[in-house]
Amino acid sequence: MTDTDAGEGPADEADDDELTYADAGVDIDASEAATAALVGAVGESEGDYAGLLDIGDRYLALATDGVGTKLIVAEALGDYSTVGIDCIAMNANDLVAAGVRPVAFVDYLAVDEPDERFAEQVGEGLSVGAERADIELVGGETAVMPEVIKGLDLAGTCAGLADKDALFPGEAESGDALVGFRSSGIHSNGLTLARTATTRDHEYTDDCPFEGYETIGEALLEPTRIYTNLLDPMREHGVNAAAHVTGGGWTNLERMGDFHYVVEDAFDPHPVFEFVQSEGNVSDEEMHRTFNMGTGFVAALAPDDAEALADATDGRVIGHVEDGSGVSIRGLDL
């Protein structure tokens, strides 16, 4: 959405103000409080990234998530061909972070009115995402709700299976090394901040100021990388815990346990992050609390095994785990 106040005079001075995720409309602290209230009411299931159900010799795991406000960019460009990939990725990657192999996916598409064109594009993306994740699409639901939905919303649920001895222990150990894996771009979190920043003075259809994309919107729509191919090598090299770097940015590492995560050699941010930060005057800390900043997945394991894991994949050792708390990266303490 283009900021209609952009232009000469006082509105420009307001645009120069430092932008935060909360200013853009998403208060992470409030969101976490609401989630805690919901969990408190229904009861907490076993597992962090996925709900785990004991079915005897194995666990059945379930994860559910949506595409979020990335759909607004897709609507502006009239291109829904990649959002299905994001929908599968956000769910499958959470299962992988738990050490669970994703096996099946169902989608839920809610619309204000049926449209064959974008429904076909969404389906194409889901098909590509399922192939990349090596899972089966086993069904879905389309709901037409003009009084509830404006445009469309896309979400889904991914099911996975894991032998009980195949799950990651779920907690890092002091002294572990951190192996990071490159992201493909913004992925599907923090888009409210990215959209607000980039549309202060631009439209999604404007020419992209950096290489690789024709328009700004196309750069924002770069689909989320799917990390299911990392599951077997992570198991083989004894990963203790893993983190899918999504909403909350680098603070997601704290989901691997109460330690100090020292990141010394993260992957460089993609140009889209530099553009978002510049256009929104977003602080370094806010960027790292909101976005993956170039690294979309992190595993913690013994130092002797970390280099072997990096060599067996496209990852690299990016830091280590020590006693303490918080995340230190690029001179920031999160």
Protein backbone atom coordinates (compact mmCIF):
# COMPACT_ATOMS: atom_id res chain seq x y z
CA MET A 1 0.00 0.00 0.00
CA THR A 2 1.41 3.37 -0.98
CA ASP A 3 1.69 6.03 1.70
CA THR A 4 -0.48 8.80 0.29
CA ASP A 5 1.14 11.35 2.62
CA ALA A 6 4.54 10.99 0.96
CA GLY A 7 5.68 14.19 -0.73
CA GLU A 8 7.06 17.62 0.03
CA GLY A 9 6.84 19.47 3.34
CA PRO A 10 5.95 18.28 6.87
CA ALA A 11 4.97 14.77 5.79
CA ASP A 12 8.56 14.18 4.68
CA GLU A 13 9.81 15.12 8.14
CA ALA A 14 7.51 12.51 9.67
CA ASP A 15 8.75 9.94 7.16
CA ASP A 16 12.29 10.50 8.42
CA ASP A 17 11.30 9.23 11.87
CA GLU A 18 12.82 5.91 12.88
CA LEU A 19 10.36 3.12 12.11
CA THR A 20 9.74 0.12 14.35
CA TYR A 21 7.70 -3.04 13.91
CA ALA A 22 5.24 -1.76 16.52
CA ASP A 23 4.88 1.54 14.64
CA ALA A 24 4.04 -0.47 11.52
CA GLY A 25 1.26 -2.22 13.40
CA VAL A 26 2.80 -5.37 14.92
CA ASP A 27 3.73 -5.27 18.62
CA ILE A 28 5.74 -8.45 19.27
CA ASP A 29 5.40 -8.17 23.05
CA ALA A 30 1.63 -7.80 22.82
CA SER A 31 1.46 -10.70 20.36
CA GLU A 32 3.44 -12.94 22.70
CA ALA A 33 1.20 -11.97 25.61
CA ALA A 34 -1.90 -12.85 23.59
CA THR A 35 -0.36 -16.18 22.59
CA ALA A 36 0.47 -16.94 26.22
CA ALA A 37 -3.13 -16.20 27.17
CA LEU A 38 -4.41 -18.58 24.49
CA VAL A 39 -2.00 -21.34 25.54
CA GLY A 40 -2.96 -20.81 29.16
CA ALA A 41 -6.62 -21.32 28.29
CA VAL A 42 -6.27 -24.45 26.15
CA GLY A 43 -3.21 -26.05 27.73
CA GLU A 44 0.30 -26.41 26.33
CA SER A 45 1.23 -29.38 24.17
CA GLU A 46 4.59 -31.12 24.11
CA GLY A 47 7.03 -29.54 21.68
CA ASP A 48 8.14 -26.01 20.83
CA TYR A 49 8.04 -25.55 17.05
CA ALA A 50 5.41 -28.26 16.62
CA GLY A 51 2.76 -29.98 18.68
CA LEU A 52 3.73 -33.59 19.37
CA LEU A 53 1.31 -36.45 19.87
CA ASP A 54 2.59 -39.78 21.21
CA ILE A 55 1.25 -42.54 18.93
CA GLY A 56 3.28 -45.42 20.32
CA ASP A 57 6.70 -45.89 18.81
CA ARG A 58 6.57 -42.53 17.04
CA TYR A 59 5.39 -38.97 17.37
CA LEU A 60 2.81 -37.38 15.14
CA ALA A 61 3.70 -33.69 14.83
CA LEU A 62 1.53 -30.83 13.65
CA ALA A 63 2.41 -27.24 12.77
CA THR A 64 0.12 -24.52 11.47
CA ASP A 65 0.90 -21.10 10.03
CA GLY A 66 -0.08 -18.68 7.30
CA VAL A 67 1.49 -16.35 4.76
CA GLY A 68 0.62 -13.11 6.57
CA THR A 69 0.66 -9.67 5.00
CA LYS A 70 2.89 -10.83 2.17
CA LEU A 71 -0.49 -11.42 0.53
CA ILE A 72 -0.96 -7.64 0.26
CA VAL A 73 2.14 -7.41 -1.92
CA ALA A 74 0.90 -10.32 -4.03
CA GLU A 75 -2.44 -8.54 -4.47
CA ALA A 76 -0.73 -5.29 -5.51
CA LEU A 77 1.26 -7.11 -8.20
CA GLY A 78 -1.54 -9.45 -9.19
CA ASP A 79 0.89 -12.33 -8.67
CA TYR A 80 -0.04 -15.09 -6.21
CA SER A 81 2.22 -17.71 -7.78
CA THR A 82 4.74 -17.87 -4.91
CA VAL A 83 2.65 -17.46 -1.74
CA GLY A 84 1.78 -21.16 -1.70
CA ILE A 85 5.50 -21.91 -1.39
CA ASP A 86 5.66 -19.61 1.63
CA CYS A 87 2.65 -21.28 3.22
CA ILE A 88 4.25 -24.71 3.06
CA ALA A 89 7.71 -23.42 3.99
CA MET A 90 6.63 -21.70 7.20
CA ASN A 91 5.04 -24.92 8.40
CA ALA A 92 7.52 -27.50 7.13
CA ASN A 93 10.51 -25.54 8.45
CA ASP A 94 9.03 -25.50 11.95
CA LEU A 95 8.76 -29.29 11.87
CA VAL A 96 12.35 -29.58 10.68
CA ALA A 97 13.47 -27.40 13.60
CA ALA A 98 12.03 -30.04 15.93
CA GLY A 99 13.74 -32.91 14.10
CA VAL A 100 10.50 -34.06 12.48
CA ARG A 101 10.11 -35.10 8.85
CA PRO A 102 7.16 -33.31 7.20
CA VAL A 103 4.93 -35.73 5.30
CA ALA A 104 1.58 -34.10 4.46
CA PHE A 105 -0.07 -30.69 4.13
CA VAL A 106 -3.60 -29.28 4.01
CA ASP A 107 -4.35 -25.68 3.08
CA TYR A 108 -7.10 -23.24 4.01
CA LEU A 109 -7.92 -20.46 1.56
CA ALA A 110 -10.45 -17.86 2.70
CA VAL A 111 -11.70 -15.29 0.17
CA ASP A 112 -14.25 -12.52 -0.07
CA GLU A 113 -15.26 -13.76 -3.52
CA PRO A 114 -14.13 -16.70 -5.64
CA ASP A 115 -11.60 -15.98 -8.37
CA GLU A 116 -10.30 -18.77 -10.58
CA ARG A 117 -7.22 -16.79 -11.60
CA PHE A 118 -5.66 -16.29 -8.21
CA ALA A 119 -6.89 -19.66 -6.94
CA GLU A 120 -4.98 -21.34 -9.76
CA GLN A 121 -1.86 -19.32 -8.95
CA VAL A 122 -2.10 -20.22 -5.25
CA GLY A 123 -2.45 -23.87 -6.23
CA GLU A 124 0.64 -23.67 -8.44
CA GLY A 125 2.67 -22.31 -5.53
CA LEU A 126 1.41 -25.00 -3.18
CA SER A 127 2.42 -27.64 -5.72
CA VAL A 128 5.93 -26.22 -6.05
CA GLY A 129 6.26 -25.90 -2.27
CA ALA A 130 5.17 -29.50 -1.73
CA GLU A 131 7.75 -30.71 -4.24
CA ARG A 132 10.52 -28.71 -2.56
CA ALA A 133 9.50 -29.96 0.87
CA ASP A 134 9.06 -33.53 -0.40
CA ILE A 135 5.57 -33.81 1.10
CA GLU A 136 2.09 -34.72 -0.14
CA LEU A 137 -0.79 -32.29 -0.58
CA VAL A 138 -3.67 -34.28 0.86
CA GLY A 139 -6.51 -31.79 0.72
CA GLY A 140 -7.68 -28.36 1.70
CA GLU A 141 -10.62 -26.03 2.11
CA THR A 142 -11.77 -22.88 0.34
CA ALA A 143 -14.18 -20.64 2.24
CA VAL A 144 -16.07 -17.69 0.73
CA MET A 145 -16.73 -15.18 3.54
CA PRO A 146 -17.32 -11.66 2.20
CA GLU A 147 -18.31 -10.28 5.61
CA VAL A 148 -15.18 -11.63 7.32
CA ILE A 149 -12.40 -11.55 4.72
CA LYS A 150 -11.22 -8.67 2.56
CA GLY A 151 -9.29 -10.11 -0.37
CA LEU A 152 -7.91 -13.45 0.75
CA ASP A 153 -6.05 -15.25 3.49
CA LEU A 154 -3.97 -18.39 3.07
CA ALA A 155 -2.91 -20.72 5.85
CA GLY A 156 -2.24 -24.39 6.28
CA THR A 157 -1.29 -27.26 8.55
CA CYS A 158 1.63 -29.62 8.07
CA ALA A 159 1.80 -33.11 9.57
CA GLY A 160 5.05 -34.91 10.28
CA LEU A 161 6.30 -38.16 11.76
CA ALA A 162 9.39 -38.93 13.80
CA ASP A 163 10.70 -41.96 15.65
CA LYS A 164 11.07 -41.08 19.30
CA ASP A 165 14.84 -41.37 19.14
CA ALA A 166 15.01 -39.20 16.01
CA LEU A 167 13.78 -35.95 17.57
CA PHE A 168 16.42 -33.38 18.39
CA PRO A 169 16.95 -33.20 22.17
CA GLY A 170 15.55 -29.67 21.83
CA GLU A 171 18.07 -27.76 23.93
CA ALA A 172 21.53 -26.52 23.10
CA GLU A 173 24.51 -27.09 25.38
CA SER A 174 27.04 -24.57 26.58
CA GLY A 175 30.06 -24.94 24.32
CA ASP A 176 28.05 -25.93 21.27
CA ALA A 177 28.88 -24.40 17.91
CA LEU A 178 26.21 -22.72 15.81
CA VAL A 179 25.84 -23.66 12.16
CA GLY A 180 23.79 -21.23 10.06
CA PHE A 181 22.06 -21.65 6.73
CA ARG A 182 21.37 -18.91 4.22
CA SER A 183 17.87 -17.51 3.81
CA SER A 184 16.40 -16.66 0.41
CA GLY A 185 15.30 -13.19 1.49
CA ILE A 186 12.75 -11.73 3.90
CA HIS A 187 10.80 -15.01 3.92
CA SER A 188 7.30 -14.54 5.36
CA ASN A 189 7.79 -12.64 8.61
CA GLY A 190 8.23 -8.95 9.25
CA LEU A 191 6.41 -8.02 6.04
CA THR A 192 4.31 -5.39 7.83
CA LEU A 193 7.47 -3.48 8.72
CA ALA A 194 9.03 -4.10 5.30
CA ARG A 195 5.89 -2.93 3.49
CA THR A 196 5.51 0.17 5.64
CA ALA A 197 9.15 1.12 5.13
CA THR A 198 9.33 0.57 1.39
CA THR A 199 6.04 2.30 0.58
CA ARG A 200 6.90 5.56 2.29
CA ASP A 201 8.23 6.86 -1.00
CA HIS A 202 7.65 3.98 -3.42
CA GLU A 203 5.02 1.66 -4.82
CA TYR A 204 5.40 -2.10 -5.11
CA THR A 205 5.42 -1.76 -8.89
CA ASP A 206 8.38 0.67 -8.89
CA ASP A 207 11.63 -0.50 -10.44
CA CYS A 208 13.79 -2.40 -7.96
CA PRO A 209 16.93 -0.39 -7.08
CA PHE A 210 19.09 -3.52 -6.68
CA GLU A 211 19.80 -6.44 -8.97
CA GLY A 212 17.80 -9.64 -9.27
CA TYR A 213 14.27 -8.28 -9.42
CA GLU A 214 12.26 -6.09 -11.77
CA THR A 215 10.12 -4.44 -9.08
CA ILE A 216 10.27 -3.74 -5.35
CA GLY A 217 7.25 -5.97 -4.85
CA GLU A 218 8.94 -8.86 -6.59
CA ALA A 219 11.85 -8.63 -4.14
CA LEU A 220 9.44 -8.72 -1.19
CA LEU A 221 7.70 -11.76 -2.68
CA GLU A 222 10.87 -13.87 -2.93
CA PRO A 223 9.57 -17.20 -1.54
CA THR A 224 10.77 -18.66 1.72
CA ARG A 225 13.54 -21.24 1.52
CA ILE A 226 12.48 -24.74 2.57
CA TYR A 227 14.99 -26.57 4.79
CA THR A 228 13.73 -30.17 4.78
CA ASN A 229 16.88 -31.30 2.95
CA LEU A 230 18.85 -30.47 6.10
CA LEU A 231 17.02 -32.96 8.28
CA ASP A 232 19.06 -36.08 7.53
CA PRO A 233 22.50 -34.41 7.78
CA MET A 234 21.49 -32.68 11.01
CA ARG A 235 20.47 -36.01 12.51
CA GLU A 236 23.64 -37.68 11.29
CA HIS A 237 25.83 -35.06 12.94
CA GLY A 238 24.07 -35.01 16.30
CA VAL A 239 22.31 -31.66 16.34
CA ASN A 240 21.08 -30.81 19.83
CA ALA A 241 18.60 -28.11 18.84
CA ALA A 242 17.63 -25.98 15.87
CA ALA A 243 15.94 -22.64 15.32
CA HIS A 244 13.82 -21.47 12.40
CA VAL A 245 14.55 -17.72 12.24
CA THR A 246 11.09 -16.23 11.69
CA GLY A 247 9.01 -13.63 13.57
CA GLY A 248 11.16 -12.14 16.31
CA GLY A 249 14.25 -12.40 14.15
CA TRP A 250 17.42 -13.50 15.89
CA THR A 251 15.74 -13.80 19.29
CA ASN A 252 14.42 -17.13 17.95
CA LEU A 253 17.76 -18.62 18.95
CA GLU A 254 16.61 -18.38 22.56
CA ARG A 255 14.06 -21.09 21.79
CA MET A 256 17.03 -23.50 21.90
CA GLY A 257 17.43 -22.86 25.64
CA ASP A 258 18.49 -20.22 28.14
CA PHE A 259 22.05 -19.54 26.97
CA HIS A 260 24.08 -16.74 25.45
CA TYR A 261 24.20 -17.14 21.67
CA VAL A 262 27.26 -15.42 20.23
CA VAL A 263 27.00 -14.98 16.46
CA GLU A 264 30.31 -13.98 14.91
CA ASP A 265 29.99 -14.84 11.21
CA ALA A 266 26.37 -14.63 10.09
CA PHE A 267 25.58 -14.54 6.39
CA ASP A 268 25.49 -11.02 4.95
CA PRO A 269 22.00 -9.50 4.67
CA HIS A 270 20.43 -9.53 1.23
CA PRO A 271 20.12 -6.14 -0.50
CA VAL A 272 16.38 -6.11 0.29
CA PHE A 273 17.17 -5.75 3.99
CA GLU A 274 19.47 -2.81 3.37
CA PHE A 275 16.74 -1.20 1.27
CA VAL A 276 14.08 -1.71 3.95
CA GLN A 277 16.37 -0.33 6.64
CA SER A 278 17.30 2.73 4.60
CA GLU A 279 13.76 3.55 3.45
CA GLY A 280 12.27 3.12 6.92
CA ASN A 281 15.17 4.51 8.93
CA VAL A 282 15.02 1.29 10.94
CA SER A 283 17.64 0.72 13.64
CA ASP A 284 20.08 -2.19 13.46
CA GLU A 285 18.56 -3.67 16.61
CA GLU A 286 15.02 -3.48 15.26
CA MET A 287 16.12 -5.11 12.01
CA HIS A 288 17.67 -8.05 13.85
CA ARG A 289 14.67 -8.39 16.18
CA THR A 290 12.31 -8.54 13.20
CA PHE A 291 14.06 -10.17 10.23
CA ASN A 292 16.35 -13.13 9.56
CA MET A 293 18.91 -10.72 8.05
CA GLY A 294 20.32 -13.34 5.69
CA THR A 295 20.33 -16.46 7.89
CA GLY A 296 17.09 -18.42 7.97
CA PHE A 297 17.94 -21.51 10.00
CA VAL A 298 20.45 -22.26 12.79
CA ALA A 299 21.55 -25.53 14.41
CA ALA A 300 23.44 -26.04 17.68
CA LEU A 301 25.75 -29.04 18.03
CA ALA A 302 29.13 -30.11 19.36
CA PRO A 303 32.06 -28.18 17.81
CA ASP A 304 33.70 -31.36 16.52
CA ASP A 305 30.58 -32.13 14.48
CA ALA A 306 29.79 -28.59 13.36
CA GLU A 307 32.39 -28.33 10.61
CA ALA A 308 31.35 -31.73 9.28
CA LEU A 309 27.72 -30.59 9.12
CA ALA A 310 28.73 -27.41 7.35
CA ASP A 311 30.82 -29.40 4.85
CA ALA A 312 27.93 -31.79 4.20
CA THR A 313 25.49 -28.95 3.49
CA ASP A 314 25.59 -25.32 2.39
CA GLY A 315 25.89 -24.13 5.97
CA ARG A 316 28.79 -22.63 7.88
CA VAL A 317 29.83 -22.20 11.48
CA ILE A 318 28.53 -18.78 12.53
CA GLY A 319 29.12 -18.70 16.28
CA HIS A 320 28.87 -20.55 19.56
CA VAL A 321 26.79 -21.10 22.69
CA GLU A 322 27.95 -20.10 26.15
CA ASP A 323 26.52 -19.64 29.63
CA GLY A 324 24.41 -16.53 30.02
CA SER A 325 21.41 -15.18 28.16
CA GLY A 326 20.46 -13.24 25.06
CA VAL A 327 21.84 -13.06 21.54
CA SER A 328 24.93 -11.10 20.49
CA ILE A 329 25.32 -10.33 16.80
CA ARG A 330 27.08 -7.58 14.81
CA GLY A 331 27.78 -5.54 17.93
CA LEU A 332 24.19 -5.83 19.18
CA ASP A 333 22.92 -7.49 22.35
CA LEU A 334 19.36 -8.64 21.78
